[in-house]
């Protein structure tokens, strides 16, 4: 039987590990309880989180037990990792709502029934801590000098690091200790930006409990040029279909760069690596077949087979100029609304532009087409004659499509 460590290594997940040989041996001989923490700072997981959820699924399928930790306590402070400024302070109500949404979005990938996995929230212990006893038990094990050399703090020193955020590493380390005590958790995983926090937790368990604990980080999802994936002009790629529609989600993966296809198939799907390598090796127009498989597989995992099929059919119809399915983002407007409507007003109505000024810029730069005809006049009137079967298709840039229906 293949060791899951080797699977993760072959697929390109592993970036750093505290004790690579020991971790591999441990994962090969016994059930290991491990955790990843997710601070609920938004009301949906995004594609960066999805990479970590896929990792948890690989480990669970190999017989290990995941702890999906909601950072209800750490989100009250805010993680400074990768930030140039302080995060917006969220209310406890916002944090609880966001945490509930995270859990709902994860249940399609991970099994929490019959003790196969654990859902936890660090608010359960962090919000109850007494300050002075906590400092005496935990704070004494942290060197401020060493903490300030960590990437998550070093990047903030010039602009100023609040004492609130300075506590984040200690809180995350304490999470690991608490999960070790409650559930026998021996391993923490996370994105590579969490390396300093992860090794702080493993070190804390060794110092206080005298036991070995392990940490492993995963590569961040980036393009071949090193840019972080999962962002578009309109913002992040979310797992919530209300924030990123299944069609938009599908189109994002359908349009990745040729050089990124194999990496995305490897990290974001469960396709066998032999198939991944064959698809990644396709050349010229053939690579589009691999992109369609990537888009379908990732959309199926996140939104289900029905929505993936609808998105695939809509995309094929759209680019084949056939009848367009309902998965393309659509806005309905009445004939009364159409009176005196110009292209700039239509762009605002369809959320393709936040303002008339931005809409004017898009038109002037040649970024707007209607029914595949480029719009050159930002005073253009939208008349019924433009509609074919009461429908027009707006294209913004090369890849963003929006259907308008007259009702």
Foldseek 3Di string as FASTA:
>chain_A
DDQLLVLCVVLAWFDDKPDSVVVSVVSVPDAAEEEEEDELPDLFAFVQVLLVLVSVLSSLVSPHEYEYEYALPLLQLQQLQPHQDGDDHDDSVSRVNSSVSHVVQSCLRDDPPPPSYHYYYLCVPNVPDDPPVCCVLQVVVDDPVVLCVQNSNVSHVVVDDDPSNSCSLSSLLVVLVVCCVPPVHQEYEEAPSCVSSRVSNQVSCCVRVVDGHMYTYTYACAAPVRHGPQADPVGGHGLDCVVPNLLNQLLSLLPHDLQCLLSLCSSQAPPDNVVSVVLSPDDDPSVSVSSLVSSLRNSCSRPNNVSSVLSSVQVVCVVVVHDHDPRAAEDEDEPVVLVLDFPLNVCCRSVVDVHSVRVVVQLCVQFKDKQNHTRNDRRHRDDPVSDDQQKIWMGGHDGRIYMYGYD
